[in-house]
PDB file of N, CA and C in Angstrom:
ATOM      1  N   UNK A   1      56.108  57.107  31.410  1.00  0.00           N
ATOM      2  CA  UNK A   1      56.011  55.337  31.464  1.00  0.00           C
ATOM      3  C   UNK A   1      55.979  55.741  33.326  1.00  0.00           C
ATOM      4  N   UNK A   2      54.979  55.071  33.750  1.00  0.00           N
ATOM      5  CA  UNK A   2      54.846  55.266  34.820  1.00  0.00           C
ATOM      6  C   UNK A   2      56.004  54.053  35.931  1.00  0.00           C
ATOM      7  N   UNK A   3      55.762  53.852  37.133  1.00  0.00           N
ATOM      8  CA  UNK A   3      56.991  52.661  38.004  1.00  0.00           C
ATOM      9  C   UNK A   3      56.289  51.434  37.499  1.00  0.00           C
ATOM     10  N   UNK A   4      54.928  51.258  37.396  1.00  0.00           N
ATOM     11  CA  UNK A   4      54.248  50.179  37.326  1.00  0.00           C
ATOM     12  C   UNK A   4      54.863  49.610  35.800  1.00  0.00           C
ATOM     13  N   UNK A   5      54.742  50.398  35.093  1.00  0.00           N
ATOM     14  CA  UNK A   5      54.948  49.866  33.453  1.00  0.00           C
ATOM     15  C   UNK A   5      56.293  49.600  33.411  1.00  0.00           C
ATOM     16  N   UNK A   6      57.571  50.239  34.204  1.00  0.00           N
ATOM     17  CA  UNK A   6      58.462  50.273  33.868  1.00  0.00           C
ATOM     18  C   UNK A   6      59.196  49.153  34.398  1.00  0.00           C
ATOM     19  N   UNK A   7      58.474  48.525  35.899  1.00  0.00           N
ATOM     20  CA  UNK A   7      58.666  47.423  36.771  1.00  0.00           C
ATOM     21  C   UNK A   7      58.357  45.975  35.511  1.00  0.00           C
ATOM     22  N   UNK A   8      57.033  46.180  34.730  1.00  0.00           N
ATOM     23  CA  UNK A   8      56.551  45.151  33.823  1.00  0.00           C
ATOM     24  C   UNK A   8      57.841  44.899  32.915  1.00  0.00           C
ATOM     25  N   UNK A   9      58.522  46.172  32.400  1.00  0.00           N
ATOM     26  CA  UNK A   9      59.183  46.038  31.372  1.00  0.00           C
ATOM     27  C   UNK A   9      60.642  45.066  31.829  1.00  0.00           C
ATOM     28  N   UNK A  10      60.851  45.882  33.057  1.00  0.00           N
ATOM     29  CA  UNK A  10      62.287  44.984  33.948  1.00  0.00           C
ATOM     30  C   UNK A  10      62.078  43.896  33.887  1.00  0.00           C
ATOM     31  N   UNK A  11      60.815  43.397  34.593  1.00  0.00           N
ATOM     32  CA  UNK A  11      60.877  41.796  34.477  1.00  0.00           C
ATOM     33  C   UNK A  11      61.008  41.301  33.957  1.00  0.00           C
ATOM     34  N   UNK A  12      60.125  41.554  32.460  1.00  0.00           N
ATOM     35  CA  UNK A  12      59.852  40.614  31.392  1.00  0.00           C
ATOM     36  C   UNK A  12      61.278  40.811  30.281  1.00  0.00           C
ATOM     37  N   UNK A  13      62.151  41.534  30.793  1.00  0.00           N
ATOM     38  CA  UNK A  13      63.452  41.733  30.186  1.00  0.00           C
ATOM     39  C   UNK A  13      64.175  40.586  30.748  1.00  0.00           C
ATOM     40  N   UNK A  14      64.087  40.617  32.145  1.00  0.00           N
ATOM     41  CA  UNK A  14      64.965  39.912  32.806  1.00  0.00           C
ATOM     42  C   UNK A  14      64.485  38.450  32.422  1.00  0.00           C
ATOM     43  N   UNK A  15      63.063  37.718  32.241  1.00  0.00           N
ATOM     44  CA  UNK A  15      62.782  36.696  32.048  1.00  0.00           C
ATOM     45  C   UNK A  15      63.166  36.356  30.568  1.00  0.00           C
ATOM     46  N   UNK A  16      63.195  36.997  29.653  1.00  0.00           N
ATOM     47  CA  UNK A  16      63.990  36.680  28.320  1.00  0.00           C
ATOM     48  C   UNK A  16      65.079  36.097  28.184  1.00  0.00           C
ATOM     49  N   UNK A  17      65.615  36.501  29.412  1.00  0.00           N
ATOM     50  CA  UNK A  17      67.218  36.328  29.339  1.00  0.00           C
ATOM     51  C   UNK A  17      67.941  35.225  30.478  1.00  0.00           C
ATOM     52  N   UNK A  18      66.760  35.203  30.689  1.00  0.00           N
ATOM     53  CA  UNK A  18      66.927  34.089  32.226  1.00  0.00           C
ATOM     54  C   UNK A  18      66.966  32.461  31.620  1.00  0.00           C
ATOM     55  N   UNK A  19      67.884  31.458  31.519  1.00  0.00           N
ATOM     56  CA  UNK A  19      67.963  30.324  31.304  1.00  0.00           C
ATOM     57  C   UNK A  19      67.056  29.398  32.637  1.00  0.00           C
ATOM     58  N   UNK A  20      67.264  29.445  33.341  1.00  0.00           N
ATOM     59  CA  UNK A  20      66.599  28.991  34.488  1.00  0.00           C
ATOM     60  C   UNK A  20      66.120  29.757  35.539  1.00  0.00           C
ATOM     61  N   UNK A  21      64.795  29.666  35.664  1.00  0.00           N
ATOM     62  CA  UNK A  21      63.981  30.395  36.297  1.00  0.00           C
ATOM     63  C   UNK A  21      63.459  30.023  38.069  1.00  0.00           C
ATOM     64  N   UNK A  22      63.533  28.783  37.571  1.00  0.00           N
ATOM     65  CA  UNK A  22      63.336  28.163  39.155  1.00  0.00           C
ATOM     66  C   UNK A  22      64.786  28.519  40.214  1.00  0.00           C
ATOM     67  N   UNK A  23      66.110  28.424  39.268  1.00  0.00           N
ATOM     68  CA  UNK A  23      66.847  28.690  40.219  1.00  0.00           C
ATOM     69  C   UNK A  23      67.084  30.276  40.811  1.00  0.00           C
ATOM     70  N   UNK A  24      66.637  30.719  39.681  1.00  0.00           N
ATOM     71  CA  UNK A  24      66.938  32.601  39.815  1.00  0.00           C
ATOM     72  C   UNK A  24      65.465  32.969  40.879  1.00  0.00           C
ATOM     73  N   UNK A  25      64.728  32.223  40.926  1.00  0.00           N
ATOM     74  CA  UNK A  25      63.531  32.438  42.161  1.00  0.00           C
ATOM     75  C   UNK A  25      63.736  31.950  43.292  1.00  0.00           C
ATOM     76  N   UNK A  26      64.951  30.429  43.753  1.00  0.00           N
ATOM     77  CA  UNK A  26      64.829  29.640  44.735  1.00  0.00           C
ATOM     78  C   UNK A  26      64.628  30.608  45.891  1.00  0.00           C
ATOM     79  N   UNK A  27      65.820  31.226  46.285  1.00  0.00           N
ATOM     80  CA  UNK A  27      66.112  31.964  47.266  1.00  0.00           C
ATOM     81  C   UNK A  27      64.817  32.798  47.646  1.00  0.00           C
ATOM     82  N   UNK A  28      64.402  33.280  47.508  1.00  0.00           N
ATOM     83  CA  UNK A  28      63.095  34.409  47.617  1.00  0.00           C
ATOM     84  C   UNK A  28      62.068  32.885  48.028  1.00  0.00           C
ATOM     85  N   UNK A  29      61.439  31.984  47.389  1.00  0.00           N
ATOM     86  CA  UNK A  29      60.671  30.868  47.617  1.00  0.00           C
ATOM     87  C   UNK A  29      61.026  30.219  49.192  1.00  0.00           C
ATOM     88  N   UNK A  30      62.638  30.182  49.583  1.00  0.00           N
ATOM     89  CA  UNK A  30      63.077  29.263  50.232  1.00  0.00           C
ATOM     90  C   UNK A  30      63.207  30.233  51.607  1.00  0.00           C
ATOM     91  N   UNK A  31      63.092  31.763  51.552  1.00  0.00           N
ATOM     92  CA  UNK A  31      62.701  32.568  52.391  1.00  0.00           C
ATOM     93  C   UNK A  31      61.486  32.954  52.861  1.00  0.00           C
ATOM     94  N   UNK A  32      60.542  32.656  51.527  1.00  0.00           N
ATOM     95  CA  UNK A  32      59.073  33.091  52.110  1.00  0.00           C
ATOM     96  C   UNK A  32      58.140  31.355  53.061  1.00  0.00           C
ATOM     97  N   UNK A  33      59.035  30.174  52.436  1.00  0.00           N
ATOM     98  CA  UNK A  33      57.977  28.976  53.203  1.00  0.00           C
ATOM     99  C   UNK A  33      58.889  29.501  54.426  1.00  0.00           C
ATOM    100  N   UNK A  34      60.501  29.828  54.745  1.00  0.00           N
ATOM    101  CA  UNK A  34      60.851  29.834  56.060  1.00  0.00           C
ATOM    102  C   UNK A  34      60.079  30.606  56.891  1.00  0.00           C
ATOM    103  N   UNK A  35      59.112  31.993  56.200  1.00  0.00           N
ATOM    104  CA  UNK A  35      58.831  32.853  57.509  1.00  0.00           C
ATOM    105  C   UNK A  35      57.677  31.847  57.801  1.00  0.00           C
ATOM    106  N   UNK A  36      56.527  31.007  56.886  1.00  0.00           N
ATOM    107  CA  UNK A  36      55.737  30.336  57.447  1.00  0.00           C
ATOM    108  C   UNK A  36      55.846  29.252  58.485  1.00  0.00           C
ATOM    109  N   UNK A  37      57.496  28.516  58.296  1.00  0.00           N
ATOM    110  CA  UNK A  37      58.191  27.462  59.195  1.00  0.00           C
ATOM    111  C   UNK A  37      58.047  28.016  60.479  1.00  0.00           C
ATOM    112  N   UNK A  38      58.606  29.357  60.257  1.00  0.00           N
ATOM    113  CA  UNK A  38      58.605  30.177  61.916  1.00  0.00           C
ATOM    114  C   UNK A  38      57.700  30.212  62.431  1.00  0.00           C
ATOM    115  N   UNK A  39      56.703  30.484  61.648  1.00  0.00           N
ATOM    116  CA  UNK A  39      54.909  30.694  62.177  1.00  0.00           C
ATOM    117  C   UNK A  39      54.764  29.811  62.687  1.00  0.00           C
ATOM    118  N   UNK A  40      54.529  28.430  62.479  1.00  0.00           N
ATOM    119  CA  UNK A  40      54.093  27.320  62.696  1.00  0.00           C
ATOM    120  C   UNK A  40      54.917  26.351  63.713  1.00  0.00           C
ATOM    121  N   UNK A  41      55.954  26.777  64.106  1.00  0.00           N
ATOM    122  CA  UNK A  41      57.048  26.029  64.920  1.00  0.00           C
ATOM    123  C   UNK A  41      57.784  26.925  65.335  1.00  0.00           C
ATOM    124  N   UNK A  42      57.644  27.871  65.838  1.00  0.00           N
ATOM    125  CA  UNK A  42      58.870  29.029  66.252  1.00  0.00           C
ATOM    126  C   UNK A  42      60.300  28.620  66.790  1.00  0.00           C
ATOM    127  N   UNK A  43      59.920  27.601  67.612  1.00  0.00           N
ATOM    128  CA  UNK A  43      60.727  26.927  68.530  1.00  0.00           C
ATOM    129  C   UNK A  43      61.750  25.509  68.388  1.00  0.00           C
ATOM    130  N   UNK A  44      61.260  25.705  66.780  1.00  0.00           N
ATOM    131  CA  UNK A  44      61.948  24.818  65.985  1.00  0.00           C
ATOM    132  C   UNK A  44      62.142  23.338  66.801  1.00  0.00           C
ATOM    133  N   UNK A  45      60.815  22.804  67.231  1.00  0.00           N
ATOM    134  CA  UNK A  45      60.650  21.674  68.238  1.00  0.00           C
ATOM    135  C   UNK A  45      60.388  20.360  67.169  1.00  0.00           C
ATOM    136  N   UNK A  46      59.729  20.812  66.310  1.00  0.00           N
ATOM    137  CA  UNK A  46      58.909  19.836  65.229  1.00  0.00           C
ATOM    138  C   UNK A  46      60.219  18.936  64.270  1.00  0.00           C
ATOM    139  N   UNK A  47      59.893  18.098  64.104  1.00  0.00           N
ATOM    140  CA  UNK A  47      60.681  17.064  63.072  1.00  0.00           C
ATOM    141  C   UNK A  47      60.945  18.066  61.709  1.00  0.00           C
ATOM    142  N   UNK A  48      61.292  18.236  61.196  1.00  0.00           N
ATOM    143  CA  UNK A  48      61.862  19.056  59.943  1.00  0.00           C
ATOM    144  C   UNK A  48      60.435  19.141  58.969  1.00  0.00           C
ATOM    145  N   UNK A  49      60.650  17.688  59.109  1.00  0.00           N
ATOM    146  CA  UNK A  49      59.246  17.020  57.258  1.00  0.00           C
ATOM    147  C   UNK A  49      58.354  17.555  57.988  1.00  0.00           C
ATOM    148  N   UNK A  50      57.795  17.636  59.086  1.00  0.00           N
ATOM    149  CA  UNK A  50      56.424  17.782  60.116  1.00  0.00           C
ATOM    150  C   UNK A  50      56.850  19.512  59.680  1.00  0.00           C
ATOM    151  N   UNK A  51      57.313  20.076  60.123  1.00  0.00           N
ATOM    152  CA  UNK A  51      57.663  21.410  60.287  1.00  0.00           C
ATOM    153  C   UNK A  51      57.353  21.636  58.447  1.00  0.00           C
ATOM    154  N   UNK A  52      58.014  21.179  57.603  1.00  0.00           N
ATOM    155  CA  UNK A  52      57.956  21.518  56.151  1.00  0.00           C
ATOM    156  C   UNK A  52      56.516  21.214  56.163  1.00  0.00           C
ATOM    157  N   UNK A  53      55.841  20.387  56.083  1.00  0.00           N
ATOM    158  CA  UNK A  53      54.498  19.891  55.569  1.00  0.00           C
ATOM    159  C   UNK A  53      53.574  20.958  56.580  1.00  0.00           C
ATOM    160  N   UNK A  54      53.734  21.410  57.739  1.00  0.00           N
ATOM    161  CA  UNK A  54      52.876  22.610  57.960  1.00  0.00           C
ATOM    162  C   UNK A  54      53.071  24.119  57.458  1.00  0.00           C
ATOM    163  N   UNK A  55      54.421  24.114  56.941  1.00  0.00           N
ATOM    164  CA  UNK A  55      54.824  25.654  56.693  1.00  0.00           C
ATOM    165  C   UNK A  55      53.776  25.583  55.418  1.00  0.00           C
ATOM    166  N   UNK A  56      54.183  24.599  54.521  1.00  0.00           N
ATOM    167  CA  UNK A  56      53.463  24.765  53.301  1.00  0.00           C
ATOM    168  C   UNK A  56      51.744  24.899  53.259  1.00  0.00           C
ATOM    169  N   UNK A  57      51.434  23.953  54.529  1.00  0.00           N
ATOM    170  CA  UNK A  57      49.709  24.322  54.508  1.00  0.00           C
ATOM    171  C   UNK A  57      49.696  25.684  54.951  1.00  0.00           C
ATOM    172  N   UNK A  58      50.438  26.110  55.751  1.00  0.00           N
ATOM    173  CA  UNK A  58      50.253  27.711  56.417  1.00  0.00           C
ATOM    174  C   UNK A  58      50.327  28.750  55.235  1.00  0.00           C
ATOM    175  N   UNK A  59      51.120  28.523  54.290  1.00  0.00           N
ATOM    176  CA  UNK A  59      51.434  29.456  53.063  1.00  0.00           C
ATOM    177  C   UNK A  59      50.308  28.952  51.879  1.00  0.00           C
ATOM    178  N   UNK A  60      49.609  27.813  52.013  1.00  0.00           N
ATOM    179  CA  UNK A  60      48.668  27.877  51.294  1.00  0.00           C
ATOM    180  C   UNK A  60      47.493  28.188  51.355  1.00  0.00           C
ATOM    181  N   UNK A  61      47.273  28.582  52.830  1.00  0.00           N
ATOM    182  CA  UNK A  61      45.943  28.665  53.835  1.00  0.00           C
ATOM    183  C   UNK A  61      46.464  30.709  53.125  1.00  0.00           C
ATOM    184  N   UNK A  62      47.610  31.308  53.483  1.00  0.00           N
ATOM    185  CA  UNK A  62      48.127  32.296  53.276  1.00  0.00           C
ATOM    186  C   UNK A  62      47.558  33.065  51.967  1.00  0.00           C
ATOM    187  N   UNK A  63      47.795  32.189  50.644  1.00  0.00           N
ATOM    188  CA  UNK A  63      47.437  32.803  49.448  1.00  0.00           C
ATOM    189  C   UNK A  63      46.024  32.175  49.069  1.00  0.00           C
ATOM    190  N   UNK A  64      45.255  31.400  49.861  1.00  0.00           N
ATOM    191  CA  UNK A  64      43.914  31.505  49.642  1.00  0.00           C
ATOM    192  C   UNK A  64      42.902  32.948  50.258  1.00  0.00           C
ATOM    193  N   UNK A  65      43.520  33.069  51.375  1.00  0.00           N
ATOM    194  CA  UNK A  65      43.351  34.348  51.775  1.00  0.00           C
ATOM    195  C   UNK A  65      43.588  35.431  51.174  1.00  0.00           C
ATOM    196  N   UNK A  66      44.670  35.177  50.666  1.00  0.00           N
ATOM    197  CA  UNK A  66      45.014  36.673  49.802  1.00  0.00           C
ATOM    198  C   UNK A  66      44.069  36.627  48.531  1.00  0.00           C
ATOM    199  N   UNK A  67      43.915  35.319  48.049  1.00  0.00           N
ATOM    200  CA  UNK A  67      42.865  35.367  47.056  1.00  0.00           C
ATOM    201  C   UNK A  67      41.299  36.267  47.143  1.00  0.00           C
ATOM    202  N   UNK A  68      41.200  35.815  48.010  1.00  0.00           N
ATOM    203  CA  UNK A  68      39.963  35.852  48.557  1.00  0.00           C
ATOM    204  C   UNK A  68      39.580  37.396  48.848  1.00  0.00           C
ATOM    205  N   UNK A  69      40.676  38.486  48.906  1.00  0.00           N
ATOM    206  CA  UNK A  69      40.431  39.568  49.031  1.00  0.00           C
ATOM    207  C   UNK A  69      40.264  40.806  48.225  1.00  0.00           C
ATOM    208  N   UNK A  70      40.851  39.808  46.747  1.00  0.00           N
ATOM    209  CA  UNK A  70      40.858  40.421  45.389  1.00  0.00           C
ATOM    210  C   UNK A  70      39.433  40.748  45.214  1.00  0.00           C
ATOM    211  N   UNK A  71      39.180  41.670  44.460  1.00  0.00           N
ATOM    212  CA  UNK A  71      37.974  42.298  43.950  1.00  0.00           C
ATOM    213  C   UNK A  71      37.892  41.528  42.929  1.00  0.00           C
TER     214      UNK A  71
END
C-alpha cells in the first residue's frame, strides 16, 4: 500500500467513527479563514463583520483559482 492509499484508509476510518464532522474540522476551518483575514486586513483596522466578509471573498477567489489550475 502506498502513502496515498494509506492516507485514504486512515481518513475513511476516522470519518466512519466521527459523530460530528463539523466540530472535528472547525479548528482547521477557522485557521484557514484567519489566513485570509490577515491578508485582507493585516493591521486589523476593519470592523470584524467587514473583515470576515472580505476574508470569505478572498477564500472563494483562492478556491476558484485552485479549481482553474486543475487539468
